[in-house]
Protein backbone atom coordinates (compact mmCIF):
# COMPACT_ATOMS: atom_id res chain seq x y z
CA MET A 1 35.11 -10.53 -26.58
CA THR A 2 33.03 -11.72 -23.63
CA SER A 3 35.05 -9.44 -21.33
CA ASN A 4 34.41 -6.46 -23.61
CA ARG A 5 30.67 -7.16 -23.64
CA SER A 6 30.68 -7.44 -19.87
CA THR A 7 32.54 -4.13 -19.53
CA MET A 8 30.16 -2.37 -21.91
CA GLY A 9 27.23 -3.83 -20.00
CA LYS A 10 28.55 -2.33 -16.76
CA ILE A 11 29.15 1.02 -18.48
CA ARG A 12 25.57 1.03 -19.78
CA ILE A 13 24.20 0.20 -16.33
CA PHE A 14 26.25 3.01 -14.77
CA ALA A 15 25.22 5.47 -17.50
CA TRP A 16 21.57 4.49 -17.02
CA SER A 17 21.95 4.99 -13.27
CA LEU A 18 23.43 8.47 -13.78
CA TYR A 19 20.16 9.50 -15.38
CA ASP A 20 18.49 8.58 -12.08
CA LEU A 21 20.93 11.02 -10.49
CA ALA A 22 19.82 13.73 -12.94
CA ASN A 23 16.17 12.89 -12.18
CA THR A 24 16.51 13.22 -8.43
CA LEU A 25 18.52 16.43 -8.72
CA TYR A 26 15.72 17.98 -10.77
CA PHE A 27 13.00 16.57 -8.52
CA MET A 28 14.62 17.86 -5.33
CA ASN A 29 15.46 21.36 -6.51
CA ILE A 30 12.52 22.12 -8.79
CA ILE A 31 9.56 20.03 -7.64
CA SER A 32 10.23 19.50 -3.95
CA LEU A 33 12.26 22.32 -2.43
CA TYR A 34 13.62 25.50 -3.96
CA PHE A 35 10.97 26.33 -6.54
CA ALA A 36 8.17 25.81 -3.99
CA LEU A 37 9.97 27.98 -1.41
CA TRP A 38 10.53 30.69 -4.02
CA ALA A 39 6.97 30.64 -5.35
CA ILE A 40 5.17 30.51 -1.97
CA ASN A 41 7.47 32.05 0.63
CA GLU A 42 9.24 34.60 -1.59
CA MET A 43 6.69 35.50 -4.29
CA GLY A 44 3.43 35.15 -2.36
CA ALA A 45 1.80 32.27 -4.23
CA ASP A 46 -0.41 30.04 -2.08
CA ASP A 47 -0.53 26.25 -1.71
CA ALA A 48 -3.47 26.01 -4.12
CA MET A 49 -1.74 27.99 -6.91
CA TYR A 50 1.37 25.85 -6.70
CA GLY A 51 -0.49 22.58 -6.20
CA ASN A 52 -2.96 23.24 -9.03
CA THR A 53 -0.16 24.11 -11.46
CA HIS A 54 1.48 20.80 -10.63
CA SER A 55 -1.86 18.99 -10.94
CA ILE A 56 -2.60 20.44 -14.39
CA SER A 57 0.84 19.46 -15.70
CA MET A 58 0.40 15.95 -14.33
CA LEU A 59 -3.03 15.71 -15.95
CA VAL A 60 -1.37 16.34 -19.33
CA VAL A 61 1.18 13.62 -18.61
CA PHE A 62 -1.59 11.31 -17.42
CA LEU A 63 -3.26 11.63 -20.84
CA LEU A 64 0.01 11.26 -22.76
CA ALA A 65 1.69 8.47 -20.76
CA PRO A 66 -0.03 5.36 -22.18
CA ILE A 67 0.25 6.70 -25.74
CA LEU A 68 3.97 7.40 -25.34
CA GLY A 69 4.52 3.96 -23.80
CA SER A 70 2.69 2.20 -26.62
CA LEU A 71 4.60 4.20 -29.25
CA SER A 72 7.88 3.17 -27.66
CA ASP A 73 6.76 -0.47 -27.85
CA THR A 74 5.79 -0.08 -31.51
CA PHE A 75 9.16 1.42 -32.43
CA LYS A 76 11.10 -0.69 -29.90
CA ARG A 77 12.89 2.58 -29.21
CA ARG A 78 13.17 4.50 -25.96
CA MET A 79 16.32 6.62 -26.34
CA PRO A 80 15.23 9.13 -29.04
CA PHE A 81 12.13 9.98 -27.00
CA LEU A 82 14.19 10.23 -23.80
CA ILE A 83 16.80 12.51 -25.38
CA VAL A 84 14.19 14.92 -26.75
CA THR A 85 12.10 15.18 -23.57
CA ALA A 86 15.10 15.52 -21.24
CA THR A 87 16.84 18.15 -23.37
CA ALA A 88 13.66 20.21 -23.68
CA CYS A 89 13.07 19.88 -19.92
CA GLY A 90 16.53 21.28 -19.16
CA PHE A 91 15.97 24.15 -21.58
CA MET A 92 12.64 25.15 -19.99
CA THR A 93 14.02 24.85 -16.44
CA PHE A 94 16.71 27.40 -17.28
CA PHE A 95 14.04 30.14 -17.48
CA LEU A 96 12.42 29.54 -14.08
CA GLY A 97 12.50 32.57 -11.80
CA SER A 98 12.24 35.01 -14.71
CA ASN A 99 9.47 37.57 -15.35
CA GLY A 100 7.46 36.99 -12.19
CA VAL A 101 5.71 34.13 -10.46
CA LEU A 102 2.91 33.58 -13.02
CA PHE A 103 5.33 33.15 -15.91
CA SER A 104 7.49 30.82 -13.83
CA LEU A 105 4.51 28.70 -12.79
CA ILE A 106 3.67 28.19 -16.48
CA ILE A 107 7.29 27.31 -17.28
CA PHE A 108 7.33 24.98 -14.27
CA GLY A 109 4.26 23.17 -15.59
CA VAL A 110 5.75 22.68 -19.08
CA SER A 111 9.11 21.61 -17.64
CA ASN A 112 7.39 19.06 -15.41
CA ILE A 113 5.42 17.61 -18.36
CA LEU A 114 8.68 17.02 -20.22
CA PHE A 115 10.43 15.63 -17.15
CA GLN A 116 7.67 13.18 -16.29
CA SER A 117 7.26 12.05 -19.91
CA GLY A 118 10.95 11.20 -20.08
CA LEU A 119 10.59 8.88 -17.09
CA ILE A 120 8.25 6.65 -19.11
CA PHE A 121 11.03 5.81 -21.57
CA TYR A 122 13.70 5.68 -18.88
CA ASP A 123 11.80 3.15 -16.75
CA ALA A 124 11.05 0.98 -19.80
CA LEU A 125 14.82 0.60 -20.40
CA LEU A 126 15.26 -1.37 -17.14
CA PRO A 127 14.58 -4.91 -18.52
CA ASP A 128 17.00 -4.41 -21.42
CA ILE A 129 19.69 -2.94 -19.19
CA ALA A 130 19.45 -5.40 -16.29
CA GLY A 131 17.86 -8.62 -17.50
CA GLU A 132 14.97 -10.10 -15.54
CA GLU A 133 17.16 -11.77 -12.92
CA ASN A 134 18.96 -8.56 -11.87
CA MET A 135 16.24 -5.92 -12.04
CA GLY A 136 16.15 -5.50 -8.27
CA LYS A 137 19.91 -4.97 -7.99
CA VAL A 138 20.16 -2.64 -10.99
CA GLY A 139 17.02 -0.73 -9.98
CA GLY A 140 18.40 -0.35 -6.47
CA LEU A 141 21.75 0.78 -7.91
CA GLY A 142 19.98 3.40 -10.01
CA ILE A 143 18.04 4.68 -7.02
CA GLY A 144 21.11 4.63 -4.78
CA ILE A 145 23.28 6.53 -7.26
CA GLY A 146 20.31 8.69 -8.12
CA TYR A 147 20.02 10.05 -4.62
CA LEU A 148 23.45 11.55 -5.00
CA GLY A 149 21.61 13.98 -7.24
CA SER A 150 19.64 15.20 -4.23
CA PHE A 151 22.89 15.71 -2.30
CA ILE A 152 24.29 17.67 -5.21
CA GLY A 153 21.09 19.67 -5.63
CA ILE A 154 20.83 20.66 -1.97
CA GLY A 155 24.58 21.26 -1.86
CA VAL A 156 24.21 23.74 -4.71
CA GLY A 157 21.55 25.53 -2.65
CA VAL A 158 23.55 25.50 0.58
CA PHE A 159 26.67 26.99 -1.02
CA PHE A 160 25.28 29.19 -3.79
CA LEU A 161 21.73 30.34 -2.91
CA GLU A 162 22.87 33.46 -1.07
CA HIS A 163 25.18 34.41 -3.94
CA VAL A 164 23.08 33.68 -7.05
CA GLY A 165 19.51 33.72 -5.72
CA TYR A 166 16.73 31.32 -6.60
CA ALA A 167 16.87 32.08 -10.33
CA GLY A 168 20.56 31.21 -10.34
CA ILE A 169 19.85 27.92 -8.56
CA PHE A 170 17.26 27.05 -11.22
CA LYS A 171 19.80 27.71 -14.00
CA MET A 172 22.46 25.64 -12.26
CA THR A 173 19.94 22.82 -11.79
CA ALA A 174 19.10 22.85 -15.52
CA ALA A 175 22.76 22.64 -16.47
CA LEU A 176 23.54 19.83 -14.01
CA PHE A 177 20.44 17.88 -15.04
CA LEU A 178 21.62 17.80 -18.66
CA LEU A 179 25.24 17.14 -17.69
CA PHE A 180 24.37 13.96 -15.78
CA ALA A 181 21.92 12.84 -18.49
CA ILE A 182 24.54 12.90 -21.25
CA PRO A 183 26.20 9.53 -20.39
CA CYS A 184 22.81 7.81 -20.75
CA PHE A 185 22.30 9.52 -24.12
CA VAL A 186 25.72 8.31 -25.32
CA PHE A 187 26.11 4.79 -23.94
CA VAL A 188 22.59 3.37 -23.61
CA LYS A 189 21.25 2.00 -26.89
CA ASP A 190 17.92 0.53 -27.89
CA VAL A 191 17.82 -3.24 -28.47
CA HIS A 192 16.58 -4.16 -31.99
CA PRO A 193 14.76 -0.88 -32.76
CA ASN A 194 12.18 -0.72 -35.55
CA LYS A 195 13.28 1.95 -38.01
CA ILE A 196 9.88 3.03 -39.26
CA PRO A 197 8.55 6.58 -39.66
CA ILE A 198 5.90 8.06 -37.39
CA SER A 199 2.49 8.28 -39.10
CA PHE A 200 -1.14 8.89 -38.17
CA ASN A 201 -1.78 5.15 -38.39
CA LEU A 202 0.97 4.46 -35.84
CA VAL A 203 -0.51 6.99 -33.41
CA ARG A 204 -3.95 5.42 -33.93
CA ASP A 205 -2.47 1.96 -33.36
CA ALA A 206 -0.79 3.27 -30.20
CA LEU A 207 -4.15 4.45 -28.90
CA THR A 208 -5.66 1.07 -29.73
CA GLN A 209 -2.78 -0.67 -27.98
CA THR A 210 -3.35 1.55 -24.95
CA LEU A 211 -6.93 0.33 -24.67
CA ILE A 212 -5.75 -3.27 -25.06
CA THR A 213 -3.16 -2.72 -22.33
CA ILE A 214 -5.79 -1.29 -19.97
CA ARG A 215 -8.10 -4.25 -20.64
CA LYS A 216 -5.29 -6.75 -20.04
CA ALA A 217 -4.32 -4.98 -16.81
CA SER A 218 -7.94 -5.10 -15.64
CA ALA A 219 -8.11 -8.83 -16.37
CA ILE A 220 -5.17 -9.64 -14.03
CA ILE A 221 -6.50 -9.11 -10.51
CA GLU A 222 -3.04 -8.81 -8.92
CA LEU A 223 -1.95 -6.23 -11.49
CA ARG A 224 -5.19 -4.31 -11.06
CA ALA A 225 -4.76 -4.28 -7.27
CA PHE A 226 -1.14 -3.15 -7.60
CA LEU A 227 -1.96 -0.29 -9.98
CA ILE A 228 -4.87 0.94 -7.85
CA GLY A 229 -2.71 0.68 -4.74
CA ARG A 230 0.06 2.56 -6.52
CA LEU A 231 -2.39 5.32 -7.39
CA PHE A 232 -2.94 5.98 -3.68
CA TYR A 233 0.54 5.49 -2.22
CA VAL A 234 2.27 7.49 -4.95
CA ASP A 235 -0.38 10.18 -4.45
CA ALA A 236 0.49 10.39 -0.76
CA ILE A 237 4.28 10.20 -1.16
CA ASN A 238 4.57 12.64 -4.06
CA THR A 239 2.20 15.16 -2.49
CA LEU A 240 4.06 15.12 0.82
CA THR A 241 7.35 15.49 -1.08
CA LEU A 242 5.94 18.37 -3.11
CA PHE A 243 5.01 20.33 0.01
CA THR A 244 7.81 19.17 2.35
CA GLY A 245 9.71 22.46 2.37
CA ILE A 246 6.56 24.50 2.93
CA TYR A 247 5.16 22.21 5.65
CA VAL A 248 8.39 21.92 7.60
CA THR A 249 9.20 25.64 7.55
CA ASN A 250 5.68 26.98 8.15
CA ASP A 251 4.07 24.30 10.37
CA ILE A 252 6.89 22.46 12.14
CA GLY A 253 9.02 25.58 12.44
CA LEU A 254 12.42 24.68 11.00
CA THR A 255 14.47 27.31 9.20
CA GLN A 256 15.26 26.92 5.51
CA TYR A 257 18.86 26.07 6.47
CA GLU A 258 17.66 23.32 8.83
CA VAL A 259 15.31 21.96 6.18
CA GLN A 260 18.20 21.57 3.77
CA TRP A 261 20.18 19.54 6.27
CA ALA A 262 17.15 17.49 7.26
CA LEU A 263 16.59 16.55 3.63
CA LEU A 264 20.27 15.67 3.25
CA MET A 265 19.92 13.24 6.17
CA ALA A 266 16.80 11.69 4.63
CA ILE A 267 18.48 11.36 1.26
CA GLY A 268 21.49 9.70 2.87
CA ALA A 269 19.21 7.18 4.56
CA SER A 270 17.38 6.56 1.28
CA MET A 271 20.57 6.18 -0.75
CA ILE A 272 22.16 3.70 1.65
CA SER A 273 18.96 1.72 2.09
CA ALA A 274 18.29 1.52 -1.68
CA PHE A 275 21.22 -0.89 -2.14
CA PHE A 276 19.92 -3.03 0.72
CA TRP A 277 16.36 -2.92 -0.62
CA GLY A 278 17.52 -3.89 -4.12
CA TYR A 279 19.27 -6.96 -2.70
CA MET A 280 16.24 -7.89 -0.62
CA VAL A 281 13.88 -7.49 -3.60
CA ASP A 282 15.84 -10.18 -5.46
CA ARG A 283 15.85 -12.47 -2.42
CA LEU A 284 12.37 -12.00 -0.92
CA GLY A 285 10.39 -10.63 -3.83
CA PRO A 286 9.20 -7.11 -4.66
CA ARG A 287 5.69 -7.47 -3.20
CA PHE A 288 6.97 -8.43 0.25
CA ILE A 289 9.41 -5.49 0.32
CA LEU A 290 6.74 -3.10 -0.96
CA LYS A 291 4.43 -4.08 1.92
CA ILE A 292 7.20 -3.46 4.46
CA CYS A 293 7.89 -0.03 2.99
CA LEU A 294 4.21 0.95 2.99
CA GLY A 295 4.06 -0.02 6.65
CA ILE A 296 6.99 2.31 7.35
CA TRP A 297 5.24 5.09 5.43
CA ILE A 298 2.19 4.74 7.67
CA VAL A 299 4.40 5.42 10.70
CA VAL A 300 5.99 8.41 8.93
CA PHE A 301 2.67 10.06 8.08
CA ILE A 302 1.38 9.57 11.63
CA LEU A 303 4.48 11.28 13.03
CA ILE A 304 4.38 14.13 10.50
CA TYR A 305 0.76 14.80 11.45
CA CYS A 306 1.29 14.59 15.21
CA ILE A 307 4.40 16.79 15.51
CA PRO A 308 2.71 20.21 14.97
CA VAL A 309 -0.73 19.14 16.26
CA PHE A 310 0.52 17.83 19.63
CA ASP A 311 3.64 20.02 19.76
CA LEU A 312 5.96 17.00 19.92
CA HIS A 313 9.68 17.39 20.46
CA ILE A 314 11.64 18.11 17.30
CA SER A 315 13.49 14.79 17.65
CA TYR A 316 10.34 13.08 16.38
CA PHE A 317 10.71 15.00 13.14
CA TRP A 318 14.31 13.86 12.65
CA GLY A 319 13.20 10.27 13.19
CA ALA A 320 10.26 10.63 10.80
CA ILE A 321 12.25 12.16 7.97
CA ASN A 322 14.93 9.47 8.18
CA LEU A 323 12.28 6.72 8.21
CA GLY A 324 10.74 8.39 5.17
CA GLY A 325 14.08 8.29 3.38
CA ILE A 326 14.47 4.59 4.12
CA ALA A 327 10.92 3.84 2.96
CA LEU A 328 11.32 5.90 -0.22
CA GLY A 329 14.37 3.93 -1.33
CA GLY A 330 12.56 0.64 -0.81
CA THR A 331 9.28 1.72 -2.40
CA PHE A 332 10.79 2.54 -5.76
CA ALA A 333 13.33 -0.28 -5.63
CA SER A 334 10.43 -2.73 -5.36
CA ASP A 335 7.51 -1.41 -7.38
CA ARG A 336 9.22 -1.25 -10.78
CA PRO A 337 10.41 -4.89 -10.57
CA TYR A 338 6.97 -5.90 -9.29
CA LEU A 339 5.33 -4.39 -12.36
CA VAL A 340 7.76 -6.19 -14.70
CA LEU A 341 6.99 -9.51 -13.01
CA LEU A 342 3.24 -8.94 -13.35
CA ALA A 343 3.21 -7.54 -16.91
CA PRO A 344 3.23 -9.64 -20.13
CA LYS A 345 6.77 -9.36 -21.52
CA GLU A 346 5.67 -8.27 -24.99
CA LEU A 347 3.79 -5.29 -23.52
CA VAL A 348 6.29 -4.10 -20.93
CA GLY A 349 6.60 -0.63 -22.48
CA GLY A 350 2.85 -0.21 -22.63
CA PHE A 351 2.51 -1.36 -19.03
CA PHE A 352 5.20 1.09 -17.95
CA GLY A 353 3.16 3.72 -19.74
CA LEU A 354 0.15 2.59 -17.72
CA TYR A 355 2.32 2.49 -14.57
CA SER A 356 3.39 6.07 -15.28
CA MET A 357 -0.19 7.00 -16.14
CA ILE A 358 -1.32 5.81 -12.70
CA GLY A 359 1.49 7.67 -10.94
CA ARG A 360 0.78 10.85 -12.89
CA PHE A 361 -2.95 10.68 -12.19
CA ALA A 362 -2.09 10.33 -8.51
CA SER A 363 -0.05 13.51 -8.83
CA VAL A 364 -3.07 15.25 -10.33
CA ILE A 365 -5.28 14.39 -7.36
CA GLY A 366 -2.89 14.80 -4.44
CA PRO A 367 -1.71 18.42 -4.86
CA PHE A 368 -5.28 19.50 -5.68
CA ILE A 369 -6.60 17.83 -2.49
CA TRP A 370 -3.78 19.37 -0.46
CA GLY A 371 -4.56 22.88 -1.75
CA LEU A 372 -8.30 22.32 -1.31
CA THR A 373 -7.93 21.04 2.25
CA SER A 374 -5.23 23.35 3.58
CA HIS A 375 -6.01 26.61 1.74
CA THR A 376 -9.44 26.66 0.08
CA LEU A 377 -11.30 25.00 2.98
CA GLY A 378 -8.92 26.50 5.52
CA LEU A 379 -8.45 23.26 7.49
CA GLY A 380 -4.67 23.57 7.60
CA ARG A 381 -1.78 21.47 6.36
CA PRO A 382 -1.84 18.82 9.15
CA ILE A 383 -5.34 17.75 8.03
CA SER A 384 -3.97 17.39 4.50
CA VAL A 385 -1.32 15.03 5.91
CA LEU A 386 -4.05 13.02 7.65
CA VAL A 387 -5.89 12.59 4.35
CA LEU A 388 -2.68 11.34 2.73
CA LEU A 389 -2.20 8.86 5.60
CA SER A 390 -5.56 7.28 4.77
CA PHE A 391 -4.38 6.78 1.18
CA VAL A 392 -1.30 4.82 2.29
CA VAL A 393 -3.33 2.64 4.65
CA PHE A 394 -5.73 1.78 1.81
CA SER A 395 -2.83 0.88 -0.51
CA PHE A 396 -1.25 -1.39 2.07
CA LEU A 397 -4.49 -3.29 2.68
CA LEU A 398 -5.21 -3.66 -1.04
CA ILE A 399 -1.77 -4.99 -2.02
CA ALA A 400 -1.62 -7.24 1.05
CA LYS A 401 -4.95 -8.83 0.14
CA TYR A 402 -4.62 -9.21 -3.63
CA GLY A 403 -0.87 -9.54 -4.21
CA ARG A 404 0.89 -12.53 -5.69
CA ASN A 405 4.27 -14.07 -4.90
CA PRO A 406 7.10 -13.51 -7.43
CA ALA A 407 7.69 -17.25 -7.81
CA VAL A 408 4.14 -17.59 -9.12
CA VAL A 409 4.34 -14.53 -11.32
CA SER A 410 7.66 -15.36 -12.97
CA LYS A 411 6.75 -19.03 -13.45
């Protein structure tokens, strides 16, 4: 019996991790690379149009995130919400590239709202799947397996883009996203769900609980510092990721083919390092690892800015993108466990809603600032990178000053 429970536990962890694979596949193909290249380089949209569409969709998620997190705590259920949002996301993604750029930008915005909302419920499953003592390892496993999704996504583009076009790539991405999500739908179950119907009173209570969660977060100085810091470093990382394909092709001068291989190298570095980072999170604590990764990000942003401005050799770019991959794996292997250690256990879903709310608000600001700086004000994309660099530096200083050691947090 014990052996069967252990086997089922491993199956659930693997199924949960496969959803990370689906996430990264979607993120790479739709948010980071192919849709941006299609909209801007092929269809004539500008950085501001694309960035503002992303910002508006993230503003919607920002408003919804704490409510969805509190509802999931009330029901003690994550999976029904995850299944609905992920399935709808895949359905909307299927229609990208149809009926012109304006229609596709609207579909992209709706698809992104659904995708980002699903992550709230997915992240909140981590404590139940891993247990508090193994969150670093399981989170690192999810990220490591998840980055295979980026390999698969770029591989689909490398081998099929010339044959099926961008619209075909979007359809293939939708199908693969749902395919890799299915094991999570089947094998991951909620622990002790409350089987109560949704009502107006429950929504009202969720809103009340959201306000309580925000007040409790504000009362814990370390948690407040972490969430504010996360606002700025996620802003910088996500915005750079969003415009990577455009920046590298138009400012650094790589071809689309070279960009694909550069991203594959970065993903490989991130995937391999995620397992190492997960192990180190459990040994040294998530705050310590997060600080190291933010320090690496500072180096990355400096290099990305300097390469086109000072006409540096292209080898600097290959170094920067691999460092970015390593830092990315460690950042997200450490910040989820750090939140769990800081948050009251009975409000973990609500705090993940707040965690997602912060990340989504960051994604509202960053793309808007990028479009404003590079296109509207005409200062160029390297200046946008410099602005993002200042965000990461601020985050590092804030978390370094006001953080708390895991031994103290976990008591």
